[in-house]
Amino acid sequence: MRAFYSDQFVLPLPPGHRFPMAKYRLLRERLLAELPQVELAAAPPVSDGELALVHTPAYIQSVVQGSLTPAQQKEIGFPWTPAMVERSRRSAGATVMAAREALFGGQGMSANLAGGTHHAYADKGSGFCVFNDAAVATRLMQAEWGRTHKQPLQVAIIDLDVHQGNGTARIFERDPDVFTLSLHGARNFPFAKEISDLDMELPDGCDDAAYLSALEQALTELEARFNPGLVIYLAGADPHEGDRLGRLSLSFDGLEARDRRVFDWAWSKRVPLAFSMAGGYGREMADTVQAQVNTYRVAYAYWRRWQNLSQ
């Protein structure tokens, strides 16, 4: 299974900043040590033209040229630096590569060790998200698919980060070829929600059983309403009970069951799937990384199933 990383670009954040930048490097180190079967590769950057499939030219240029206003930087949550630009390009590039490998490369499944920047809108960033990687990957895969297929590529974005994918929902509102599903905390950020194709709001303290029941209901409705040719899955670690921003109460076992259910849903339909890690803000960073490693263990087992198809 192939996975793409961009953690070599570290943002120079001020002391005490709450974003856990080190988790990306720690995840890569854990995968190298414990899952060497996962083939890791540095992600390429996306171009301005690829970003423009989703983002407005004015916003792209304000990021690239460093002309974001203080208010825009505050909403994003990062101070502007050249490293922020390069990391954001490559984080989006990692999801593009994962989607391309899953859809066209014979992999069936592939991954981004970061990504899940679902709070970014077409014309602004927000909530630690600069460019919307899932949206850019969706639009680029649809364009590449359209070169050789008459029917458009339908993409389901299954967002299981604890926060609603508000930017993604707005970008794809009323788009018949993209289905946005978000399972998120009702009382968590963003406090003014957008309208996804399917929103499932969860109460504070939601446990494994209640979460998995809601997920089953969501997947059943997705299947009834949409027939995807590609799934992009945001496997956030922040529903974990140890997350300082999550407000939910899933155990490691609950998160693993969640991942298994999503992977199994896509596999049962033979729909290629690309996934990203999205949020994770554990009180102990090791808990976030452990949840992410668990996701990769489950994913690798399903990737093996895809490879058996071609043998």
Protein backbone atom coordinates (compact mmCIF):
# COMPACT_ATOMS: atom_id res chain seq x y z
CA MET A 1 0.00 0.00 0.00
CA ARG A 2 1.31 3.41 -0.91
CA ALA A 3 1.07 6.47 1.32
CA PHE A 4 2.33 10.00 0.84
CA TYR A 5 3.81 12.42 3.38
CA SER A 6 4.76 16.08 3.67
CA ASP A 7 6.04 16.28 7.24
CA GLN A 8 9.49 17.44 6.11
CA PHE A 9 7.91 20.91 5.91
CA VAL A 10 7.49 22.01 9.52
CA LEU A 11 5.72 25.26 10.27
CA PRO A 12 7.67 27.59 12.59
CA LEU A 13 4.86 27.99 15.09
CA PRO A 14 5.20 30.20 18.18
CA PRO A 15 5.76 28.53 21.58
CA GLY A 16 2.56 27.18 23.10
CA HIS A 17 0.70 26.92 19.77
CA ARG A 18 -1.99 24.27 20.11
CA PHE A 19 -1.52 22.60 16.73
CA PRO A 20 0.34 19.27 17.20
CA MET A 21 2.71 19.57 14.22
CA ALA A 22 4.97 16.74 15.42
CA LYS A 23 2.25 14.10 15.01
CA TYR A 24 2.94 13.79 11.27
CA ARG A 25 6.60 12.92 11.76
CA LEU A 26 5.73 10.54 14.60
CA LEU A 27 3.20 8.72 12.45
CA ARG A 28 5.70 8.26 9.64
CA GLU A 29 8.30 6.95 12.09
CA ARG A 30 5.80 4.47 13.55
CA LEU A 31 4.82 3.21 10.10
CA LEU A 32 8.44 2.78 9.07
CA ALA A 33 9.11 0.74 12.22
CA GLU A 34 5.89 -1.26 12.51
CA LEU A 35 4.31 -1.43 9.04
CA PRO A 36 7.21 -1.50 6.58
CA GLN A 37 4.80 -2.99 4.02
CA VAL A 38 3.39 0.52 3.60
CA GLU A 39 5.43 2.17 0.85
CA LEU A 40 6.03 5.78 1.87
CA ALA A 41 6.80 8.52 -0.63
CA ALA A 42 7.21 12.29 -0.42
CA ALA A 43 4.19 14.08 -1.83
CA PRO A 44 4.60 16.41 -4.81
CA PRO A 45 3.16 19.92 -4.61
CA VAL A 46 -0.03 20.81 -6.43
CA SER A 47 0.20 23.63 -8.94
CA ASP A 48 -1.72 26.90 -8.94
CA GLY A 49 -3.77 25.56 -11.85
CA GLU A 50 -4.73 22.43 -9.91
CA LEU A 51 -5.67 24.50 -6.87
CA ALA A 52 -7.80 26.69 -9.14
CA LEU A 53 -10.09 23.74 -9.82
CA VAL A 54 -11.44 24.54 -6.34
CA HIS A 55 -10.01 27.80 -5.00
CA THR A 56 -10.40 31.32 -6.33
CA PRO A 57 -7.36 32.84 -8.08
CA ALA A 58 -7.38 35.76 -5.66
CA TYR A 59 -7.19 33.49 -2.63
CA ILE A 60 -4.47 31.30 -4.17
CA GLN A 61 -2.36 34.35 -4.91
CA SER A 62 -2.83 35.81 -1.44
CA VAL A 63 -1.50 32.56 0.04
CA VAL A 64 1.34 32.13 -2.43
CA GLN A 65 2.48 35.76 -2.33
CA GLY A 66 2.12 36.14 1.42
CA SER A 67 -0.51 38.86 1.26
CA LEU A 68 -3.03 37.26 3.62
CA THR A 69 -4.37 39.84 6.04
CA PRO A 70 -3.85 39.39 9.80
CA ALA A 71 -7.55 38.50 10.07
CA GLN A 72 -7.20 35.83 7.38
CA GLN A 73 -4.15 34.36 9.10
CA LYS A 74 -5.98 34.35 12.42
CA GLU A 75 -8.91 32.44 10.88
CA ILE A 76 -6.53 29.89 9.39
CA GLY A 77 -4.73 29.57 12.72
CA PHE A 78 -1.19 29.71 11.29
CA PRO A 79 1.06 32.70 10.67
CA TRP A 80 2.07 33.01 7.03
CA THR A 81 5.49 31.60 6.15
CA PRO A 82 6.94 30.10 2.97
CA ALA A 83 6.86 26.73 4.74
CA MET A 84 3.10 27.09 5.23
CA VAL A 85 2.64 27.52 1.49
CA GLU A 86 4.84 24.56 0.56
CA ARG A 87 3.36 22.28 3.21
CA SER A 88 -0.18 23.17 2.12
CA ARG A 89 0.62 22.48 -1.53
CA ARG A 90 2.15 19.11 -0.68
CA SER A 91 -0.54 18.09 1.76
CA ALA A 92 -3.05 18.58 -1.05
CA GLY A 93 -0.64 16.82 -3.40
CA ALA A 94 -0.55 13.81 -1.09
CA THR A 95 -4.31 13.34 -1.29
CA VAL A 96 -4.20 13.81 -5.06
CA MET A 97 -1.55 11.10 -5.33
CA ALA A 98 -3.45 8.78 -2.99
CA ALA A 99 -6.64 9.20 -5.01
CA ARG A 100 -4.76 8.67 -8.28
CA GLU A 101 -3.07 5.50 -6.98
CA ALA A 102 -6.36 4.13 -5.68
CA LEU A 103 -8.38 4.96 -8.78
CA PHE A 104 -5.93 4.57 -11.67
CA GLY A 105 -2.84 2.89 -10.21
CA GLY A 106 -4.26 -0.53 -9.44
CA GLN A 107 -3.92 -0.02 -5.70
CA GLY A 108 -7.58 0.15 -4.70
CA MET A 109 -6.50 1.95 -1.52
CA SER A 110 -3.89 4.61 -0.81
CA ALA A 111 -3.34 7.28 1.80
CA ASN A 112 -2.11 10.70 2.88
CA LEU A 113 -0.28 10.81 6.23
CA ALA A 114 -1.73 14.30 6.73
CA GLY A 115 -4.55 16.11 4.89
CA GLY A 116 -8.21 16.28 5.73
CA THR A 117 -8.21 20.08 5.49
CA HIS A 118 -11.97 20.29 5.26
CA HIS A 119 -12.48 23.75 6.78
CA ALA A 120 -10.91 25.49 3.77
CA TYR A 121 -13.46 27.20 1.50
CA ALA A 122 -12.98 28.19 -2.13
CA ASP A 123 -12.02 31.73 -1.12
CA LYS A 124 -10.56 31.41 2.38
CA GLY A 125 -8.83 29.14 4.86
CA SER A 126 -10.03 28.30 8.35
CA GLY A 127 -9.40 26.03 11.30
CA PHE A 128 -5.79 25.02 10.45
CA CYS A 129 -6.81 24.40 6.82
CA VAL A 130 -5.30 26.39 3.94
CA PHE A 131 -6.27 24.45 0.80
CA ASN A 132 -9.03 21.82 0.73
CA ASP A 133 -7.15 18.66 -0.23
CA ALA A 134 -10.20 16.41 -0.61
CA ALA A 135 -11.89 18.94 -2.89
CA VAL A 136 -8.79 19.44 -5.05
CA ALA A 137 -8.30 15.67 -5.36
CA THR A 138 -11.97 15.21 -6.24
CA ARG A 139 -11.94 17.79 -9.01
CA LEU A 140 -8.63 16.59 -10.43
CA MET A 141 -9.70 12.93 -10.46
CA GLN A 142 -12.96 13.88 -12.16
CA ALA A 143 -10.99 15.76 -14.82
CA GLU A 144 -8.58 12.87 -15.38
CA TRP A 145 -11.44 10.35 -15.46
CA GLY A 146 -13.29 12.46 -18.01
CA ARG A 147 -10.47 12.12 -20.53
CA THR A 148 -11.32 8.46 -21.13
CA HIS A 149 -14.89 8.01 -19.82
CA LYS A 150 -18.16 9.44 -21.03
CA GLN A 151 -19.89 9.24 -17.67
CA PRO A 152 -18.69 11.63 -14.94
CA LEU A 153 -16.83 10.25 -11.94
CA GLN A 154 -19.01 10.35 -8.85
CA VAL A 155 -17.09 10.87 -5.61
CA ALA A 156 -18.29 10.28 -2.05
CA ILE A 157 -16.42 12.23 0.64
CA ILE A 158 -16.92 10.42 3.94
CA ASP A 159 -15.79 12.86 6.63
CA LEU A 160 -15.44 11.26 10.07
CA ASP A 161 -13.36 13.98 11.65
CA VAL A 162 -15.13 15.18 14.81
CA HIS A 163 -15.66 18.63 13.24
CA GLN A 164 -18.06 19.22 10.38
CA GLY A 165 -16.46 19.49 6.95
CA ASN A 166 -17.95 22.91 6.40
CA GLY A 167 -15.63 24.06 3.63
CA THR A 168 -16.13 20.85 1.71
CA ALA A 169 -19.90 21.08 2.10
CA ARG A 170 -19.97 24.63 0.72
CA ILE A 171 -17.64 23.86 -2.19
CA PHE A 172 -19.79 20.96 -3.39
CA GLU A 173 -23.27 22.19 -2.49
CA ARG A 174 -25.79 21.22 -5.19
CA ASP A 175 -23.13 19.24 -7.10
CA PRO A 176 -24.84 16.01 -8.27
CA ASP A 177 -21.52 14.23 -8.82
CA VAL A 178 -20.15 14.68 -5.30
CA PHE A 179 -21.77 13.40 -2.10
CA THR A 180 -20.57 14.98 1.14
CA LEU A 181 -21.20 12.98 4.32
CA SER A 182 -20.15 14.44 7.66
CA LEU A 183 -20.51 12.71 11.04
CA HIS A 184 -19.55 15.26 13.67
CA GLY A 185 -20.09 16.74 17.11
CA ALA A 186 -23.20 18.91 17.23
CA ARG A 187 -21.68 21.39 19.70
CA ASN A 188 -18.18 21.49 18.27
CA PHE A 189 -16.42 23.78 15.79
CA PRO A 190 -17.57 25.13 13.36
CA PHE A 191 -20.42 26.53 15.42
CA ALA A 192 -22.25 27.79 12.32
CA LYS A 193 -22.58 24.65 10.22
CA GLU A 194 -22.92 24.36 6.45
CA ILE A 195 -25.30 21.87 4.81
CA SER A 196 -23.68 18.66 3.57
CA ASP A 197 -25.55 16.13 1.46
CA LEU A 198 -25.81 14.18 4.71
CA ASP A 199 -25.02 15.53 8.16
CA MET A 200 -25.16 13.32 11.26
CA GLU A 201 -24.78 15.37 14.44
CA LEU A 202 -23.61 13.64 17.61
CA PRO A 203 -24.03 14.70 21.25
CA ASP A 204 -21.14 15.37 23.61
CA GLY A 205 -19.89 12.16 25.17
CA CYS A 206 -21.10 9.95 22.32
CA ASP A 207 -19.68 6.45 22.92
CA ASP A 208 -18.69 3.58 20.64
CA ALA A 209 -22.13 1.98 20.33
CA ALA A 210 -23.99 5.22 19.58
CA TYR A 211 -21.33 6.37 17.11
CA LEU A 212 -21.23 3.10 15.20
CA SER A 213 -25.03 3.03 15.04
CA ALA A 214 -25.04 6.55 13.56
CA LEU A 215 -22.34 5.56 11.08
CA GLU A 216 -24.32 2.53 9.96
CA GLN A 217 -27.37 4.70 9.40
CA ALA A 218 -25.28 7.21 7.42
CA LEU A 219 -23.73 4.56 5.17
CA THR A 220 -27.12 3.00 4.55
CA GLU A 221 -28.49 6.37 3.42
CA LEU A 222 -25.40 7.09 1.32
CA GLU A 223 -25.85 3.77 -0.46
CA ALA A 224 -29.51 4.50 -1.14
CA ARG A 225 -28.83 7.95 -2.58
CA PHE A 226 -25.49 7.73 -4.40
CA ASN A 227 -23.31 5.38 -6.42
CA PRO A 228 -19.68 6.50 -6.08
CA GLY A 229 -16.77 5.51 -8.27
CA LEU A 230 -14.29 6.83 -5.69
CA VAL A 231 -14.40 7.35 -1.93
CA ILE A 232 -12.28 9.93 -0.14
CA TYR A 233 -12.29 9.15 3.58
CA LEU A 234 -11.25 11.57 6.34
CA ALA A 235 -10.24 9.25 9.19
CA GLY A 236 -9.99 11.80 11.99
CA ALA A 237 -8.55 10.59 15.29
CA ASP A 238 -10.32 13.36 17.19
CA PRO A 239 -13.50 11.43 18.13
CA HIS A 240 -11.20 9.58 20.59
CA GLU A 241 -12.04 9.94 24.26
CA GLY A 242 -8.57 11.35 24.95
CA ASP A 243 -8.83 14.20 22.44
CA ARG A 244 -8.75 17.65 24.03
CA LEU A 245 -10.92 19.21 21.32
CA GLY A 246 -13.18 16.30 20.40
CA ARG A 247 -15.89 16.15 23.11
CA LEU A 248 -16.78 12.57 22.09
CA SER A 249 -15.88 9.33 23.90
CA LEU A 250 -14.79 6.72 21.39
CA SER A 251 -12.26 4.12 22.48
CA PHE A 252 -9.41 2.84 20.34
CA ASP A 253 -11.56 -0.20 19.60
CA GLY A 254 -14.44 2.05 18.55
CA LEU A 255 -12.26 4.02 16.15
CA GLU A 256 -10.88 0.80 14.68
CA ALA A 257 -14.42 -0.54 14.19
CA ARG A 258 -15.34 2.74 12.48
CA ASP A 259 -12.41 2.45 10.06
CA ARG A 260 -13.16 -1.20 9.38
CA ARG A 261 -16.79 -0.41 8.59
CA VAL A 262 -15.90 2.36 6.10
CA PHE A 263 -13.22 0.26 4.40
CA ASP A 264 -15.57 -2.71 4.25
CA TRP A 265 -18.38 -0.59 2.80
CA ALA A 266 -16.14 0.57 -0.05
CA TRP A 267 -14.57 -2.86 -0.55
CA SER A 268 -17.94 -4.61 -0.76
CA LYS A 269 -18.76 -2.38 -3.75
CA ARG A 270 -15.21 -2.55 -5.15
CA VAL A 271 -14.99 1.25 -4.96
CA PRO A 272 -11.40 2.58 -4.73
CA LEU A 273 -10.71 4.57 -1.58
CA ALA A 274 -8.15 7.22 -0.64
CA PHE A 275 -7.90 8.32 2.98
CA SER A 276 -6.32 11.12 4.97
CA MET A 277 -5.71 11.50 8.69
CA ALA A 278 -7.59 14.78 9.31
CA GLY A 279 -7.80 15.96 12.94
CA GLY A 280 -6.27 14.62 16.11
CA TYR A 281 -5.47 16.69 19.19
CA GLY A 282 -4.90 14.13 21.92
CA ARG A 283 -4.08 15.24 25.43
CA GLU A 284 -1.29 12.75 24.89
CA MET A 285 0.04 13.02 21.33
CA ALA A 286 0.91 9.34 21.48
CA ASP A 287 -2.81 8.53 21.65
CA THR A 288 -3.49 10.41 18.41
CA VAL A 289 -0.62 8.66 16.66
CA GLN A 290 -1.73 5.26 17.99
CA ALA A 291 -5.23 5.79 16.59
CA GLN A 292 -3.70 6.69 13.23
CA VAL A 293 -1.40 3.66 13.20
CA ASN A 294 -4.43 1.49 13.93
CA THR A 295 -6.16 2.99 10.89
CA TYR A 296 -3.21 1.98 8.73
CA ARG A 297 -3.19 -1.57 10.09
CA VAL A 298 -6.84 -2.00 9.14
CA ALA A 299 -6.32 -0.29 5.77
CA TYR A 300 -3.40 -2.54 4.90
CA ALA A 301 -5.56 -5.63 5.39
CA TYR A 302 -8.12 -4.26 2.94
CA TRP A 303 -5.40 -3.23 0.50
CA ARG A 304 -4.29 -6.87 0.49
CA ARG A 305 -7.80 -7.85 -0.61
CA TRP A 306 -7.53 -5.45 -3.55
CA GLN A 307 -4.23 -7.00 -4.59
CA ASN A 308 -5.70 -10.49 -4.45
CA LEU A 309 -8.24 -9.45 -7.07
CA SER A 310 -5.51 -9.07 -9.67
CA GLN A 311 -3.76 -12.34 -8.93
